[in-house]
Amino acid sequence: MKKVILKIELHDDSIKKKAMKAVSGLPGVESVSVDMKDKKLTLTGDIDPVSVVGKLRKLCHTEIVSVGPAKEEKKEEKKEEKKEEKKEEKKKDEKEQVADLLKAYQNYYQNQMKTQYYYPQHPIYYPRSMEEDPNACVIC
């Protein structure tokens, strides 16, 4: 989830409607809000800011002001979860860690059977002598 704030040159309501329609049609956009006083467009969702700006520049001049996380509360929860996970990882024995790595590499590097390539055989040509075939043509 990202929160993207864009600065847009909005002159009237028709451009605002077109911008809202263009941005809301992009995949991953959850909410769109426009501040006409500051001429800012705020988007939240799983979106690529560069693609949003590319879409809006067809309508009006657009600049990226900031890109950040949508909610700050989730960060604290994630940090606590990560700390707990790190403590659990330290408790693992070295043998278990090596075994986990081996399992990962075995899945990544599978033994592949190499197929043998058979080269095509060339046709065998026999020399013909003129004495055997009296009707043969000879160029000297």
Foldseek 3Di string as FASTA:
>chain_A
DKKWKKAWDDDDVVLVVVLVVQQVPDPFWDDWDADPVRRMIITDTPDDPVVSCVSSVVRTHMDTDDMGHPDPVVVVVVVVVVVVVVVVVVPDDPVVVVVVVVVVVCVVDPDDDDDDDDDDDDDDDDDDDCVVPVPDDDDD
